[in-house]
């Protein structure tokens, strides 16, 4: 049930669900005053890679999401939404549309 609540909360961005992770990550970074470059350095990645994820040109690496959550020091609620949205990026287009339809 909590995943459904996270998906419903994510709808507040007003974008298709497939594009939410990048916006969510960017919002967290901005709210903490963390640049893409600094975050990339903290997680051992490149600024370009992070920028591509934020622009929805690449998918977040599922095997590294927990490390990102740790670096960002997310609350349990934020971490759950972060995981949900990261996994959703890997879903098929049909599934993303179906979730959007059921959440509206």
C-alpha atoms as a PDB file:
ATOM      1  CA  UNK A   1       0.000   0.000   0.000  1.00  0.00           C
ATOM      2  CA  UNK A   2       2.881   2.367   0.734  1.00  0.00           C
ATOM      3  CA  UNK A   3       4.184   1.962  -2.826  1.00  0.00           C
ATOM      4  CA  UNK A   4       0.788   3.045  -4.139  1.00  0.00           C
ATOM      5  CA  UNK A   5       0.936   6.102  -1.873  1.00  0.00           C
ATOM      6  CA  UNK A   6       4.416   6.890  -3.170  1.00  0.00           C
ATOM      7  CA  UNK A   7       3.149   6.620  -6.731  1.00  0.00           C
ATOM      8  CA  UNK A   8       0.226   8.889  -5.915  1.00  0.00           C
ATOM      9  CA  UNK A   9       2.578  11.432  -4.323  1.00  0.00           C
ATOM     10  CA  UNK A  10       4.799  11.270  -7.396  1.00  0.00           C
ATOM     11  CA  UNK A  11       1.841  12.262  -9.582  1.00  0.00           C
ATOM     12  CA  UNK A  12       2.079  15.759  -8.115  1.00  0.00           C
ATOM     13  CA  UNK A  13       4.887  16.507 -10.571  1.00  0.00           C
ATOM     14  CA  UNK A  14       2.321  16.438 -13.382  1.00  0.00           C
ATOM     15  CA  UNK A  15       4.523  14.373 -15.684  1.00  0.00           C
ATOM     16  CA  UNK A  16       4.179  10.841 -17.004  1.00  0.00           C
ATOM     17  CA  UNK A  17       5.384   8.459 -14.303  1.00  0.00           C
ATOM     18  CA  UNK A  18       8.346   7.333 -16.419  1.00  0.00           C
ATOM     19  CA  UNK A  19       9.836  10.796 -16.033  1.00  0.00           C
ATOM     20  CA  UNK A  20       9.418  11.186 -12.302  1.00  0.00           C
ATOM     21  CA  UNK A  21      12.680   9.774 -10.970  1.00  0.00           C
ATOM     22  CA  UNK A  22      14.809  12.435 -12.629  1.00  0.00           C
ATOM     23  CA  UNK A  23      12.594  15.229 -11.339  1.00  0.00           C
ATOM     24  CA  UNK A  24      12.500  13.692  -7.861  1.00  0.00           C
ATOM     25  CA  UNK A  25      16.292  13.318  -7.700  1.00  0.00           C
ATOM     26  CA  UNK A  26      16.811  16.845  -9.029  1.00  0.00           C
ATOM     27  CA  UNK A  27      14.375  18.224  -6.440  1.00  0.00           C
ATOM     28  CA  UNK A  28      16.233  16.487  -3.614  1.00  0.00           C
ATOM     29  CA  UNK A  29      19.589  17.771  -4.829  1.00  0.00           C
ATOM     30  CA  UNK A  30      18.278  21.314  -5.215  1.00  0.00           C
ATOM     31  CA  UNK A  31      16.611  21.318  -1.788  1.00  0.00           C
ATOM     32  CA  UNK A  32      19.922  20.312  -0.217  1.00  0.00           C
ATOM     33  CA  UNK A  33      22.032  22.675  -2.290  1.00  0.00           C
ATOM     34  CA  UNK A  34      23.960  19.771  -3.834  1.00  0.00           C
ATOM     35  CA  UNK A  35      25.200  20.197  -7.396  1.00  0.00           C
ATOM     36  CA  UNK A  36      25.058  17.374  -9.911  1.00  0.00           C
ATOM     37  CA  UNK A  37      28.855  17.385  -9.911  1.00  0.00           C
ATOM     38  CA  UNK A  38      29.137  17.065  -6.123  1.00  0.00           C
ATOM     39  CA  UNK A  39      26.540  14.289  -5.968  1.00  0.00           C
ATOM     40  CA  UNK A  40      28.323  12.443  -8.778  1.00  0.00           C
ATOM     41  CA  UNK A  41      31.596  12.719  -6.893  1.00  0.00           C
ATOM     42  CA  UNK A  42      29.952  11.463  -3.691  1.00  0.00           C
ATOM     43  CA  UNK A  43      28.619   8.338  -5.408  1.00  0.00           C
ATOM     44  CA  UNK A  44      31.674   7.706  -7.578  1.00  0.00           C
ATOM     45  CA  UNK A  45      30.059   8.621 -10.854  1.00  0.00           C
ATOM     46  CA  UNK A  46      30.245  11.397 -13.430  1.00  0.00           C
ATOM     47  CA  UNK A  47      28.255  14.605 -13.623  1.00  0.00           C
ATOM     48  CA  UNK A  48      27.209  13.675 -17.156  1.00  0.00           C
ATOM     49  CA  UNK A  49      25.723  10.387 -15.969  1.00  0.00           C
ATOM     50  CA  UNK A  50      23.693  12.132 -13.251  1.00  0.00           C
ATOM     51  CA  UNK A  51      22.537  14.818 -15.683  1.00  0.00           C
ATOM     52  CA  UNK A  52      21.398  12.133 -18.138  1.00  0.00           C
ATOM     53  CA  UNK A  53      19.364  10.441 -15.404  1.00  0.00           C
ATOM     54  CA  UNK A  54      17.778  13.745 -14.408  1.00  0.00           C
ATOM     55  CA  UNK A  55      16.906  14.426 -18.065  1.00  0.00           C
ATOM     56  CA  UNK A  56      15.481  10.894 -18.322  1.00  0.00           C
ATOM     57  CA  UNK A  57      18.009   9.897 -20.953  1.00  0.00           C
ATOM     58  CA  UNK A  58      19.351   7.046 -18.782  1.00  0.00           C
ATOM     59  CA  UNK A  59      17.844   4.842 -16.131  1.00  0.00           C
ATOM     60  CA  UNK A  60      19.101   4.849 -12.557  1.00  0.00           C
ATOM     61  CA  UNK A  61      21.188   1.789 -11.669  1.00  0.00           C
ATOM     62  CA  UNK A  62      18.973  -0.285  -9.376  1.00  0.00           C
ATOM     63  CA  UNK A  63      21.974  -1.966  -7.740  1.00  0.00           C
ATOM     64  CA  UNK A  64      23.240   1.441  -6.546  1.00  0.00           C
ATOM     65  CA  UNK A  65      19.992   3.016  -5.338  1.00  0.00           C
ATOM     66  CA  UNK A  66      20.559   2.123  -1.670  1.00  0.00           C
ATOM     67  CA  UNK A  67      24.000   3.751  -1.781  1.00  0.00           C
ATOM     68  CA  UNK A  68      22.442   6.884  -3.288  1.00  0.00           C
ATOM     69  CA  UNK A  69      19.805   6.914  -0.553  1.00  0.00           C
ATOM     70  CA  UNK A  70      22.553   6.702   2.046  1.00  0.00           C
ATOM     71  CA  UNK A  71      24.573   9.539   0.491  1.00  0.00           C
ATOM     72  CA  UNK A  72      21.451  11.700   0.276  1.00  0.00           C
ATOM     73  CA  UNK A  73      20.459  10.783   3.851  1.00  0.00           C
ATOM     74  CA  UNK A  74      16.821  10.355   2.847  1.00  0.00           C
ATOM     75  CA  UNK A  75      14.045   9.805   5.360  1.00  0.00           C
ATOM     76  CA  UNK A  76      12.382   6.396   5.246  1.00  0.00           C
ATOM     77  CA  UNK A  77       9.418   7.890   3.368  1.00  0.00           C
ATOM     78  CA  UNK A  78      11.671   9.627   0.842  1.00  0.00           C
ATOM     79  CA  UNK A  79      13.772   6.464   0.461  1.00  0.00           C
ATOM     80  CA  UNK A  80      10.687   4.402  -0.315  1.00  0.00           C
ATOM     81  CA  UNK A  81       9.559   6.882  -2.955  1.00  0.00           C
ATOM     82  CA  UNK A  82      13.100   7.057  -4.358  1.00  0.00           C
ATOM     83  CA  UNK A  83      13.224   3.249  -4.709  1.00  0.00           C
ATOM     84  CA  UNK A  84       9.721   3.077  -6.174  1.00  0.00           C
ATOM     85  CA  UNK A  85      10.464   5.682  -8.818  1.00  0.00           C
ATOM     86  CA  UNK A  86      13.855   4.173  -9.647  1.00  0.00           C
ATOM     87  CA  UNK A  87      12.271   0.777 -10.249  1.00  0.00           C
ATOM     88  CA  UNK A  88       9.468   2.336 -12.228  1.00  0.00           C
ATOM     89  CA  UNK A  89      12.041   3.730 -14.666  1.00  0.00           C
ATOM     90  CA  UNK A  90      12.825   0.123 -15.572  1.00  0.00           C
ATOM     91  CA  UNK A  91       9.191  -0.816 -16.179  1.00  0.00           C
ATOM     92  CA  UNK A  92       7.721  -1.272 -19.632  1.00  0.00           C
ATOM     93  CA  UNK A  93       5.840   1.590 -21.226  1.00  0.00           C
ATOM     94  CA  UNK A  94       2.614  -0.407 -20.893  1.00  0.00           C
ATOM     95  CA  UNK A  95       3.093  -0.806 -17.144  1.00  0.00           C
ATOM     96  CA  UNK A  96       3.894   2.894 -16.648  1.00  0.00           C
ATOM     97  CA  UNK A  97       0.745   3.857 -18.555  1.00  0.00           C
ATOM     98  CA  UNK A  98      -1.331   1.348 -16.609  1.00  0.00           C
ATOM     99  CA  UNK A  99      -0.089   2.736 -13.302  1.00  0.00           C
ATOM    100  CA  UNK A 100      -0.832   6.274 -14.481  1.00  0.00           C
ATOM    101  CA  UNK A 101      -4.326   5.214 -15.532  1.00  0.00           C
ATOM    102  CA  UNK A 102      -5.066   3.498 -12.230  1.00  0.00           C
ATOM    103  CA  UNK A 103      -3.719   6.384 -10.162  1.00  0.00           C
ATOM    104  CA  UNK A 104      -5.761   9.048 -11.913  1.00  0.00           C
END
